[in-house]
Amino acid sequence: EALDHGSLPIIVLFPERKDIRLRLRGDKVTYRPLLDDLRRRGYRVIDLGDGFEKYDPQGEMAGKSFAHYPKAGNLMAAQWIRDYLTQQGLTTPQGVQAALKGTKAPKL
């Protein structure tokens, strides 16, 4: 539906604290089946867990108690989203238009 309206859909997954801890220990996150299915179907997906792993390799955020990401977590999330958009060439209207031309609707 987003593609039909000229928008490029990107799904952003926000892991819970328990998933951040699981990943830090090297275990599979609880949302792994969802992530795998979305990617298999051809959706663009940003997993913020990848960003936390990159920007917080010692897992300092995982050791904090929070219901919502703390300021540092939000900054890492924003940086990871920006990294993804830059890597995919989606930081300019021209880049988004080019991506739209090459994007087909995912399998349902």
PDB file of N, CA and C in Angstrom:
ATOM      1  N   GLU A   1       0.829  -1.194   0.000  1.00  0.00           N
ATOM      2  CA  GLU A   1       0.000   0.000   0.000  1.00  0.00           C
ATOM      3  C   GLU A   1       0.876   1.263   0.000  1.00  0.00           C
ATOM      4  N   ALA A   2       1.959   1.226   0.779  1.00  0.00           N
ATOM      5  CA  ALA A   2       2.872   2.380   0.810  1.00  0.00           C
ATOM      6  C   ALA A   2       3.460   2.625  -0.575  1.00  0.00           C
ATOM      7  N   LEU A   3       3.874   1.547  -1.244  1.00  0.00           N
ATOM      8  CA  LEU A   3       4.441   1.680  -2.588  1.00  0.00           C
ATOM      9  C   LEU A   3       3.422   2.276  -3.551  1.00  0.00           C
ATOM     10  N   ASP A   4       2.164   1.875  -3.422  1.00  0.00           N
ATOM     11  CA  ASP A   4       1.110   2.414  -4.281  1.00  0.00           C
ATOM     12  C   ASP A   4       0.941   3.920  -4.102  1.00  0.00           C
ATOM     13  N   HIS A   5       1.341   4.434  -2.950  1.00  0.00           N
ATOM     14  CA  HIS A   5       1.219   5.865  -2.667  1.00  0.00           C
ATOM     15  C   HIS A   5       2.544   6.602  -2.826  1.00  0.00           C
ATOM     16  N   GLY A   6       3.533   5.934  -3.435  1.00  0.00           N
ATOM     17  CA  GLY A   6       4.810   6.592  -3.699  1.00  0.00           C
ATOM     18  C   GLY A   6       5.737   6.687  -2.501  1.00  0.00           C
ATOM     19  N   SER A   7       5.475   5.887  -1.475  1.00  0.00           N
ATOM     20  CA  SER A   7       6.323   5.887  -0.287  1.00  0.00           C
ATOM     21  C   SER A   7       7.137   4.601  -0.234  1.00  0.00           C
ATOM     22  N   LEU A   8       8.318   4.700   0.309  1.00  0.00           N
ATOM     23  CA  LEU A   8       9.200   3.547   0.435  1.00  0.00           C
ATOM     24  C   LEU A   8       9.093   3.012   1.862  1.00  0.00           C
ATOM     25  N   PRO A   9       8.466   1.851   2.036  1.00  0.00           N
ATOM     26  CA  PRO A   9       8.302   1.324   3.401  1.00  0.00           C
ATOM     27  C   PRO A   9       9.594   0.735   3.947  1.00  0.00           C
ATOM     28  N   ILE A  10       9.878   1.072   5.192  1.00  0.00           N
ATOM     29  CA  ILE A  10      11.007   0.503   5.918  1.00  0.00           C
ATOM     30  C   ILE A  10      10.491   0.160   7.312  1.00  0.00           C
ATOM     31  N   ILE A  11      10.654  -1.079   7.709  1.00  0.00           N
ATOM     32  CA  ILE A  11      10.211  -1.532   9.024  1.00  0.00           C
ATOM     33  C   ILE A  11      11.377  -1.388   9.988  1.00  0.00           C
ATOM     34  N   VAL A  12      11.116  -0.774  11.134  1.00  0.00           N
ATOM     35  CA  VAL A  12      12.145  -0.614  12.160  1.00  0.00           C
ATOM     36  C   VAL A  12      11.734  -1.462  13.364  1.00  0.00           C
ATOM     37  N   LEU A  13      12.611  -2.398  13.746  1.00  0.00           N
ATOM     38  CA  LEU A  13      12.354  -3.248  14.901  1.00  0.00           C
ATOM     39  C   LEU A  13      13.085  -2.692  16.115  1.00  0.00           C
ATOM     40  N   PHE A  14      12.342  -2.456  17.190  1.00  0.00           N
ATOM     41  CA  PHE A  14      12.858  -1.915  18.435  1.00  0.00           C
ATOM     42  C   PHE A  14      12.932  -3.051  19.460  1.00  0.00           C
ATOM     43  N   PRO A  15      14.111  -3.618  19.674  1.00  0.00           N
ATOM     44  CA  PRO A  15      14.200  -4.729  20.621  1.00  0.00           C
ATOM     45  C   PRO A  15      13.926  -4.290  22.056  1.00  0.00           C
ATOM     46  N   GLU A  16      13.327  -5.209  22.811  1.00  0.00           N
ATOM     47  CA  GLU A  16      13.128  -4.971  24.231  1.00  0.00           C
ATOM     48  C   GLU A  16      14.444  -5.218  24.962  1.00  0.00           C
ATOM     49  N   ARG A  17      14.493  -4.785  26.205  1.00  0.00           N
ATOM     50  CA  ARG A  17      15.701  -4.947  27.012  1.00  0.00           C
ATOM     51  C   ARG A  17      16.131  -6.413  27.080  1.00  0.00           C
ATOM     52  N   LYS A  18      15.166  -7.334  27.214  1.00  0.00           N
ATOM     53  CA  LYS A  18      15.537  -8.750  27.307  1.00  0.00           C
ATOM     54  C   LYS A  18      16.211  -9.230  26.021  1.00  0.00           C
ATOM     55  N   ASP A  19      15.782  -8.704  24.862  1.00  0.00           N
ATOM     56  CA  ASP A  19      16.411  -9.086  23.597  1.00  0.00           C
ATOM     57  C   ASP A  19      17.803  -8.481  23.463  1.00  0.00           C
ATOM     58  N   ILE A  20      17.981  -7.288  23.981  1.00  0.00           N
ATOM     59  CA  ILE A  20      19.309  -6.670  23.973  1.00  0.00           C
ATOM     60  C   ILE A  20      20.257  -7.524  24.812  1.00  0.00           C
ATOM     61  N   ARG A  21      19.764  -8.013  25.943  1.00  0.00           N
ATOM     62  CA  ARG A  21      20.595  -8.870  26.807  1.00  0.00           C
ATOM     63  C   ARG A  21      20.865 -10.220  26.146  1.00  0.00           C
ATOM     64  N   LEU A  22      19.838 -10.808  25.517  1.00  0.00           N
ATOM     65  CA  LEU A  22      20.031 -12.084  24.831  1.00  0.00           C
ATOM     66  C   LEU A  22      21.115 -11.965  23.772  1.00  0.00           C
ATOM     67  N   ARG A  23      21.015 -10.919  22.992  1.00  0.00           N
ATOM     68  CA  ARG A  23      21.972 -10.714  21.908  1.00  0.00           C
ATOM     69  C   ARG A  23      23.384 -10.510  22.439  1.00  0.00           C
ATOM     70  N   LEU A  24      23.491  -9.790  23.545  1.00  0.00           N
ATOM     71  CA  LEU A  24      24.789  -9.544  24.166  1.00  0.00           C
ATOM     72  C   LEU A  24      25.446 -10.864  24.585  1.00  0.00           C
ATOM     73  N   ARG A  25      24.627 -11.819  25.027  1.00  0.00           N
ATOM     74  CA  ARG A  25      25.139 -13.135  25.425  1.00  0.00           C
ATOM     75  C   ARG A  25      25.385 -14.051  24.230  1.00  0.00           C
ATOM     76  N   GLY A  26      24.997 -13.597  23.036  1.00  0.00           N
ATOM     77  CA  GLY A  26      25.173 -14.425  21.847  1.00  0.00           C
ATOM     78  C   GLY A  26      24.006 -15.355  21.580  1.00  0.00           C
ATOM     79  N   ASP A  27      22.884 -15.154  22.278  1.00  0.00           N
ATOM     80  CA  ASP A  27      21.690 -15.976  22.086  1.00  0.00           C
ATOM     81  C   ASP A  27      20.776 -15.343  21.041  1.00  0.00           C
ATOM     82  N   LYS A  28      19.854 -16.143  20.524  1.00  0.00           N
ATOM     83  CA  LYS A  28      18.893 -15.632  19.544  1.00  0.00           C
ATOM     84  C   LYS A  28      17.857 -14.759  20.241  1.00  0.00           C
ATOM     85  N   VAL A  29      17.503 -13.677  19.569  1.00  0.00           N
ATOM     86  CA  VAL A  29      16.482 -12.780  20.101  1.00  0.00           C
ATOM     87  C   VAL A  29      15.096 -13.376  19.858  1.00  0.00           C
ATOM     88  N   THR A  30      14.143 -12.976  20.685  1.00  0.00           N
ATOM     89  CA  THR A  30      12.800 -13.560  20.597  1.00  0.00           C
ATOM     90  C   THR A  30      12.093 -13.214  19.286  1.00  0.00           C
ATOM     91  N   TYR A  31      12.466 -12.108  18.671  1.00  0.00           N
ATOM     92  CA  TYR A  31      11.797 -11.684  17.447  1.00  0.00           C
ATOM     93  C   TYR A  31      12.506 -12.205  16.191  1.00  0.00           C
ATOM     94  N   ARG A  32      13.455 -13.107  16.335  1.00  0.00           N
ATOM     95  CA  ARG A  32      14.213 -13.623  15.197  1.00  0.00           C
ATOM     96  C   ARG A  32      13.324 -14.215  14.101  1.00  0.00           C
ATOM     97  N   PRO A  33      12.302 -15.023  14.452  1.00  0.00           N
ATOM     98  CA  PRO A  33      11.433 -15.558  13.392  1.00  0.00           C
ATOM     99  C   PRO A  33      10.739 -14.450  12.594  1.00  0.00           C
ATOM    100  N   LEU A  34      10.315 -13.394  13.267  1.00  0.00           N
ATOM    101  CA  LEU A  34       9.685 -12.263  12.577  1.00  0.00           C
ATOM    102  C   LEU A  34      10.682 -11.586  11.652  1.00  0.00           C
ATOM    103  N   LEU A  35      11.871 -11.314  12.144  1.00  0.00           N
ATOM    104  CA  LEU A  35      12.906 -10.662  11.347  1.00  0.00           C
ATOM    105  C   LEU A  35      13.239 -11.490  10.107  1.00  0.00           C
ATOM    106  N   ASP A  36      13.432 -12.787  10.303  1.00  0.00           N
ATOM    107  CA  ASP A  36      13.748 -13.670   9.177  1.00  0.00           C
ATOM    108  C   ASP A  36      12.623 -13.689   8.152  1.00  0.00           C
ATOM    109  N   ASP A  37      11.383 -13.741   8.621  1.00  0.00           N
ATOM    110  CA  ASP A  37      10.243 -13.781   7.707  1.00  0.00           C
ATOM    111  C   ASP A  37      10.106 -12.481   6.924  1.00  0.00           C
ATOM    112  N   LEU A  38      10.262 -11.363   7.589  1.00  0.00           N
ATOM    113  CA  LEU A  38      10.167 -10.072   6.898  1.00  0.00           C
ATOM    114  C   LEU A  38      11.229  -9.952   5.811  1.00  0.00           C
ATOM    115  N   ARG A  39      12.449 -10.329   6.137  1.00  0.00           N
ATOM    116  CA  ARG A  39      13.532 -10.243   5.148  1.00  0.00           C
ATOM    117  C   ARG A  39      13.320 -11.235   4.010  1.00  0.00           C
ATOM    118  N   ARG A  40      12.837 -12.439   4.342  1.00  0.00           N
ATOM    119  CA  ARG A  40      12.575 -13.443   3.308  1.00  0.00           C
ATOM    120  C   ARG A  40      11.517 -12.937   2.337  1.00  0.00           C
ATOM    121  N   ARG A  41      10.562 -12.198   2.832  1.00  0.00           N
ATOM    122  CA  ARG A  41       9.487 -11.670   1.983  1.00  0.00           C
ATOM    123  C   ARG A  41       9.906 -10.445   1.181  1.00  0.00           C
ATOM    124  N   GLY A  42      11.077  -9.909   1.472  1.00  0.00           N
ATOM    125  CA  GLY A  42      11.577  -8.786   0.693  1.00  0.00           C
ATOM    126  C   GLY A  42      11.362  -7.413   1.296  1.00  0.00           C
ATOM    127  N   TYR A  43      10.977  -7.353   2.546  1.00  0.00           N
ATOM    128  CA  TYR A  43      10.805  -6.056   3.206  1.00  0.00           C
ATOM    129  C   TYR A  43      12.161  -5.470   3.582  1.00  0.00           C
ATOM    130  N   ARG A  44      12.260  -4.162   3.551  1.00  0.00           N
ATOM    131  CA  ARG A  44      13.439  -3.480   4.092  1.00  0.00           C
ATOM    132  C   ARG A  44      13.233  -3.419   5.597  1.00  0.00           C
ATOM    133  N   VAL A  45      14.218  -3.874   6.353  1.00  0.00           N
ATOM    134  CA  VAL A  45      14.081  -3.929   7.809  1.00  0.00           C
ATOM    135  C   VAL A  45      15.340  -3.364   8.467  1.00  0.00           C
ATOM    136  N   ILE A  46      15.123  -2.494   9.431  1.00  0.00           N
ATOM    137  CA  ILE A  46      16.197  -1.998  10.268  1.00  0.00           C
ATOM    138  C   ILE A  46      16.009  -2.631  11.640  1.00  0.00           C
ATOM    139  N   ASP A  47      16.988  -3.418  12.065  1.00  0.00           N
ATOM    140  CA  ASP A  47      16.970  -4.032  13.390  1.00  0.00           C
ATOM    141  C   ASP A  47      17.860  -3.180  14.287  1.00  0.00           C
ATOM    142  N   LEU A  48      17.253  -2.456  15.207  1.00  0.00           N
ATOM    143  CA  LEU A  48      18.041  -1.588  16.076  1.00  0.00           C
ATOM    144  C   LEU A  48      19.008  -2.380  16.949  1.00  0.00           C
ATOM    145  N   GLY A  49      18.758  -3.665  17.115  1.00  0.00           N
ATOM    146  CA  GLY A  49      19.704  -4.508  17.848  1.00  0.00           C
ATOM    147  C   GLY A  49      21.075  -4.502  17.191  1.00  0.00           C
ATOM    148  N   ASP A  50      21.113  -4.419  15.865  1.00  0.00           N
ATOM    149  CA  ASP A  50      22.390  -4.326  15.157  1.00  0.00           C
ATOM    150  C   ASP A  50      23.130  -3.050  15.549  1.00  0.00           C
ATOM    151  N   GLY A  51      22.392  -1.973  15.680  1.00  0.00           N
ATOM    152  CA  GLY A  51      22.996  -0.699  16.070  1.00  0.00           C
ATOM    153  C   GLY A  51      23.497  -0.723  17.499  1.00  0.00           C
ATOM    154  N   PHE A  52      22.708  -1.319  18.400  1.00  0.00           N
ATOM    155  CA  PHE A  52      23.158  -1.408  19.784  1.00  0.00           C
ATOM    156  C   PHE A  52      24.417  -2.265  19.880  1.00  0.00           C
ATOM    157  N   GLU A  53      24.466  -3.316  19.087  1.00  0.00           N
ATOM    158  CA  GLU A  53      25.656  -4.169  19.078  1.00  0.00           C
ATOM    159  C   GLU A  53      26.880  -3.394  18.587  1.00  0.00           C
ATOM    160  N   LYS A  54      26.678  -2.567  17.561  1.00  0.00           N
ATOM    161  CA  LYS A  54      27.795  -1.793  17.006  1.00  0.00           C
ATOM    162  C   LYS A  54      28.229  -0.660  17.934  1.00  0.00           C
ATOM    163  N   TYR A  55      27.272   0.096  18.447  1.00  0.00           N
ATOM    164  CA  TYR A  55      27.594   1.304  19.200  1.00  0.00           C
ATOM    165  C   TYR A  55      27.710   1.089  20.711  1.00  0.00           C
ATOM    166  N   ASP A  56      27.293  -0.089  21.179  1.00  0.00           N
ATOM    167  CA  ASP A  56      27.380  -0.397  22.609  1.00  0.00           C
ATOM    168  C   ASP A  56      27.865  -1.837  22.776  1.00  0.00           C
ATOM    169  N   PRO A  57      29.068  -2.147  22.255  1.00  0.00           N
ATOM    170  CA  PRO A  57      29.535  -3.531  22.272  1.00  0.00           C
ATOM    171  C   PRO A  57      29.735  -4.107  23.671  1.00  0.00           C
ATOM    172  N   GLN A  58      29.912  -3.258  24.663  1.00  0.00           N
ATOM    173  CA  GLN A  58      30.070  -3.727  26.043  1.00  0.00           C
ATOM    174  C   GLN A  58      28.719  -3.965  26.723  1.00  0.00           C
ATOM    175  N   GLY A  59      27.637  -3.544  26.066  1.00  0.00           N
ATOM    176  CA  GLY A  59      26.295  -3.778  26.596  1.00  0.00           C
ATOM    177  C   GLY A  59      25.922  -2.937  27.797  1.00  0.00           C
ATOM    178  N   GLU A  60      26.450  -1.725  27.856  1.00  0.00           N
ATOM    179  CA  GLU A  60      26.125  -0.859  28.985  1.00  0.00           C
ATOM    180  C   GLU A  60      24.624  -0.580  29.071  1.00  0.00           C
ATOM    181  N   MET A  61      23.987  -0.390  27.929  1.00  0.00           N
ATOM    182  CA  MET A  61      22.553  -0.107  27.947  1.00  0.00           C
ATOM    183  C   MET A  61      21.764  -1.314  28.458  1.00  0.00           C
ATOM    184  N   ALA A  62      22.208  -2.518  28.135  1.00  0.00           N
ATOM    185  CA  ALA A  62      21.508  -3.732  28.558  1.00  0.00           C
ATOM    186  C   ALA A  62      21.510  -3.876  30.074  1.00  0.00           C
ATOM    187  N   GLY A  63      22.464  -3.261  30.723  1.00  0.00           N
ATOM    188  CA  GLY A  63      22.545  -3.345  32.175  1.00  0.00           C
ATOM    189  C   GLY A  63      21.688  -2.323  32.893  1.00  0.00           C
ATOM    190  N   LYS A  64      21.103  -1.423  32.160  1.00  0.00           N
ATOM    191  CA  LYS A  64      20.279  -0.380  32.778  1.00  0.00           C
ATOM    192  C   LYS A  64      18.828  -0.833  32.852  1.00  0.00           C
ATOM    193  N   SER A  65      18.112  -0.276  33.799  1.00  0.00           N
ATOM    194  CA  SER A  65      16.682  -0.554  33.930  1.00  0.00           C
ATOM    195  C   SER A  65      15.919   0.555  33.217  1.00  0.00           C
ATOM    196  N   PHE A  66      15.073   0.175  32.272  1.00  0.00           N
ATOM    197  CA  PHE A  66      14.305   1.183  31.544  1.00  0.00           C
ATOM    198  C   PHE A  66      13.052   0.568  30.952  1.00  0.00           C
ATOM    199  N   ALA A  67      12.023   1.393  30.825  1.00  0.00           N
ATOM    200  CA  ALA A  67      10.799   0.992  30.127  1.00  0.00           C
ATOM    201  C   ALA A  67      10.875   1.483  28.682  1.00  0.00           C
ATOM    202  N   HIS A  68      11.476   2.643  28.500  1.00  0.00           N
ATOM    203  CA  HIS A  68      11.732   3.210  27.177  1.00  0.00           C
ATOM    204  C   HIS A  68      13.243   3.387  27.072  1.00  0.00           C
ATOM    205  N   TYR A  69      13.754   3.394  25.862  1.00  0.00           N
ATOM    206  CA  TYR A  69      15.200   3.561  25.699  1.00  0.00           C
ATOM    207  C   TYR A  69      15.663   4.837  26.385  1.00  0.00           C
ATOM    208  N   PRO A  70      16.794   4.759  27.071  1.00  0.00           N
ATOM    209  CA  PRO A  70      17.357   5.985  27.638  1.00  0.00           C
ATOM    210  C   PRO A  70      17.914   6.866  26.519  1.00  0.00           C
ATOM    211  N   LYS A  71      18.316   8.065  26.885  1.00  0.00           N
ATOM    212  CA  LYS A  71      18.833   9.012  25.895  1.00  0.00           C
ATOM    213  C   LYS A  71      19.930   8.383  25.039  1.00  0.00           C
ATOM    214  N   ALA A  72      20.859   7.681  25.672  1.00  0.00           N
ATOM    215  CA  ALA A  72      21.953   7.049  24.920  1.00  0.00           C
ATOM    216  C   ALA A  72      21.409   6.018  23.929  1.00  0.00           C
ATOM    217  N   GLY A  73      20.377   5.283  24.323  1.00  0.00           N
ATOM    218  CA  GLY A  73      19.760   4.298  23.428  1.00  0.00           C
ATOM    219  C   GLY A  73      19.102   4.965  22.236  1.00  0.00           C
ATOM    220  N   ASN A  74      18.430   6.075  22.479  1.00  0.00           N
ATOM    221  CA  ASN A  74      17.805   6.810  21.379  1.00  0.00           C
ATOM    222  C   ASN A  74      18.847   7.363  20.416  1.00  0.00           C
ATOM    223  N   LEU A  75      19.957   7.827  20.950  1.00  0.00           N
ATOM    224  CA  LEU A  75      21.023   8.335  20.087  1.00  0.00           C
ATOM    225  C   LEU A  75      21.611   7.219  19.226  1.00  0.00           C
ATOM    226  N   MET A  76      21.807   6.037  19.823  1.00  0.00           N
ATOM    227  CA  MET A  76      22.318   4.902  19.049  1.00  0.00           C
ATOM    228  C   MET A  76      21.312   4.474  17.988  1.00  0.00           C
ATOM    229  N   ALA A  77      20.028   4.462  18.347  1.00  0.00           N
ATOM    230  CA  ALA A  77      18.988   4.092  17.386  1.00  0.00           C
ATOM    231  C   ALA A  77      18.985   5.059  16.206  1.00  0.00           C
ATOM    232  N   ALA A  78      19.054   6.350  16.494  1.00  0.00           N
ATOM    233  CA  ALA A  78      19.064   7.361  15.436  1.00  0.00           C
ATOM    234  C   ALA A  78      20.290   7.207  14.536  1.00  0.00           C
ATOM    235  N   GLN A  79      21.441   6.957  15.146  1.00  0.00           N
ATOM    236  CA  GLN A  79      22.671   6.787  14.363  1.00  0.00           C
ATOM    237  C   GLN A  79      22.556   5.557  13.464  1.00  0.00           C
ATOM    238  N   TRP A  80      22.017   4.454  13.994  1.00  0.00           N
ATOM    239  CA  TRP A  80      21.899   3.229  13.204  1.00  0.00           C
ATOM    240  C   TRP A  80      20.928   3.414  12.041  1.00  0.00           C
ATOM    241  N   ILE A  81      19.830   4.115  12.279  1.00  0.00           N
ATOM    242  CA  ILE A  81      18.872   4.392  11.196  1.00  0.00           C
ATOM    243  C   ILE A  81      19.546   5.257  10.130  1.00  0.00           C
ATOM    244  N   ARG A  82      20.276   6.260  10.564  1.00  0.00           N
ATOM    245  CA  ARG A  82      20.997   7.113   9.605  1.00  0.00           C
ATOM    246  C   ARG A  82      22.033   6.303   8.830  1.00  0.00           C
ATOM    247  N   ASP A  83      22.751   5.420   9.526  1.00  0.00           N
ATOM    248  CA  ASP A  83      23.725   4.559   8.844  1.00  0.00           C
ATOM    249  C   ASP A  83      23.044   3.725   7.765  1.00  0.00           C
ATOM    250  N   TYR A  84      21.908   3.131   8.096  1.00  0.00           N
ATOM    251  CA  TYR A  84      21.177   2.292   7.140  1.00  0.00           C
ATOM    252  C   TYR A  84      20.741   3.112   5.926  1.00  0.00           C
ATOM    253  N   LEU A  85      20.124   4.268   6.191  1.00  0.00           N
ATOM    254  CA  LEU A  85      19.639   5.108   5.094  1.00  0.00           C
ATOM    255  C   LEU A  85      20.790   5.558   4.201  1.00  0.00           C
ATOM    256  N   THR A  86      21.924   5.904   4.804  1.00  0.00           N
ATOM    257  CA  THR A  86      23.097   6.315   4.033  1.00  0.00           C
ATOM    258  C   THR A  86      23.616   5.152   3.200  1.00  0.00           C
ATOM    259  N   GLN A  87      23.763   3.992   3.815  1.00  0.00           N
ATOM    260  CA  GLN A  87      24.266   2.807   3.111  1.00  0.00           C
ATOM    261  C   GLN A  87      23.368   2.426   1.937  1.00  0.00           C
ATOM    262  N   GLN A  88      22.072   2.589   2.092  1.00  0.00           N
ATOM    263  CA  GLN A  88      21.120   2.228   1.052  1.00  0.00           C
ATOM    264  C   GLN A  88      20.905   3.355   0.039  1.00  0.00           C
ATOM    265  N   GLY A  89      21.566   4.493   0.237  1.00  0.00           N
ATOM    266  CA  GLY A  89      21.408   5.618  -0.681  1.00  0.00           C
ATOM    267  C   GLY A  89      20.064   6.311  -0.560  1.00  0.00           C
ATOM    268  N   LEU A  90      19.503   6.304   0.639  1.00  0.00           N
ATOM    269  CA  LEU A  90      18.152   6.836   0.840  1.00  0.00           C
ATOM    270  C   LEU A  90      18.130   8.167   1.589  1.00  0.00           C
ATOM    271  N   THR A  91      19.193   8.938   1.473  1.00  0.00           N
ATOM    272  CA  THR A  91      19.256  10.215   2.183  1.00  0.00           C
ATOM    273  C   THR A  91      18.899  11.403   1.298  1.00  0.00           C
ATOM    274  N   THR A  92      18.576  11.135   0.052  1.00  0.00           N
ATOM    275  CA  THR A  92      18.173  12.207  -0.857  1.00  0.00           C
ATOM    276  C   THR A  92      16.884  11.804  -1.572  1.00  0.00           C
ATOM    277  N   PRO A  93      16.118  12.778  -2.023  1.00  0.00           N
ATOM    278  CA  PRO A  93      14.921  12.431  -2.793  1.00  0.00           C
ATOM    279  C   PRO A  93      15.248  11.590  -4.027  1.00  0.00           C
ATOM    280  N   GLN A  94      16.372  11.867  -4.659  1.00  0.00           N
ATOM    281  CA  GLN A  94      16.758  11.100  -5.844  1.00  0.00           C
ATOM    282  C   GLN A  94      17.055   9.641  -5.485  1.00  0.00           C
ATOM    283  N   GLY A  95      17.702   9.431  -4.354  1.00  0.00           N
ATOM    284  CA  GLY A  95      18.000   8.072  -3.905  1.00  0.00           C
ATOM    285  C   GLY A  95      16.740   7.293  -3.588  1.00  0.00           C
ATOM    286  N   VAL A  96      15.789   7.967  -2.967  1.00  0.00           N
ATOM    287  CA  VAL A  96      14.515   7.307  -2.646  1.00  0.00           C
ATOM    288  C   VAL A  96      13.761   6.990  -3.929  1.00  0.00           C
ATOM    289  N   GLN A  97      13.750   7.907  -4.875  1.00  0.00           N
ATOM    290  CA  GLN A  97      13.071   7.660  -6.148  1.00  0.00           C
ATOM    291  C   GLN A  97      13.691   6.482  -6.880  1.00  0.00           C
ATOM    292  N   ALA A  98      15.017   6.406  -6.874  1.00  0.00           N
ATOM    293  CA  ALA A  98      15.695   5.283  -7.523  1.00  0.00           C
ATOM    294  C   ALA A  98      15.342   3.972  -6.835  1.00  0.00           C
ATOM    295  N   ALA A  99      15.275   3.983  -5.503  1.00  0.00           N
ATOM    296  CA  ALA A  99      14.906   2.775  -4.763  1.00  0.00           C
ATOM    297  C   ALA A  99      13.464   2.372  -5.054  1.00  0.00           C
ATOM    298  N   LEU A 100      12.588   3.363  -5.168  1.00  0.00           N
ATOM    299  CA  LEU A 100      11.181   3.068  -5.478  1.00  0.00           C
ATOM    300  C   LEU A 100      11.053   2.385  -6.833  1.00  0.00           C
ATOM    301  N   LYS A 101      11.824   2.846  -7.798  1.00  0.00           N
ATOM    302  CA  LYS A 101      11.753   2.245  -9.146  1.00  0.00           C
ATOM    303  C   LYS A 101      12.188   0.791  -9.126  1.00  0.00           C
ATOM    304  N   GLY A 102      13.119   0.436  -8.241  1.00  0.00           N
ATOM    305  CA  GLY A 102      13.631  -0.909  -8.186  1.00  0.00           C
ATOM    306  C   GLY A 102      12.969  -1.797  -7.156  1.00  0.00           C
ATOM    307  N   THR A 103      11.912  -1.292  -6.525  1.00  0.00           N
ATOM    308  CA  THR A 103      11.255  -2.046  -5.450  1.00  0.00           C
ATOM    309  C   THR A 103       9.938  -2.629  -5.939  1.00  0.00           C
ATOM    310  N   LYS A 104       9.765  -3.902  -5.671  1.00  0.00           N
ATOM    311  CA  LYS A 104       8.502  -4.569  -5.958  1.00  0.00           C
ATOM    312  C   LYS A 104       7.802  -4.836  -4.647  1.00  0.00           C
ATOM    313  N   ALA A 105       6.491  -4.982  -4.702  1.00  0.00           N
ATOM    314  CA  ALA A 105       5.742  -5.293  -3.483  1.00  0.00           C
ATOM    315  C   ALA A 105       6.192  -6.638  -2.952  1.00  0.00           C
ATOM    316  N   PRO A 106       6.433  -6.714  -1.642  1.00  0.00           N
ATOM    317  CA  PRO A 106       6.859  -7.986  -1.036  1.00  0.00           C
ATOM    318  C   PRO A 106       5.787  -9.060  -1.177  1.00  0.00           C
ATOM    319  N   LYS A 107       6.221 -10.310  -1.051  1.00  0.00           N
ATOM    320  CA  LYS A 107       5.296 -11.438  -1.100  1.00  0.00           C
ATOM    321  C   LYS A 107       4.420 -11.414   0.138  1.00  0.00           C
ATOM    322  N   LEU A 108       3.160 -11.709  -0.038  1.00  0.00           N
ATOM    323  CA  LEU A 108       2.255 -11.768   1.109  1.00  0.00           C
ATOM    324  C   LEU A 108       2.069 -13.177   1.587  1.00  0.00           C
TER     325      LEU A 108
END
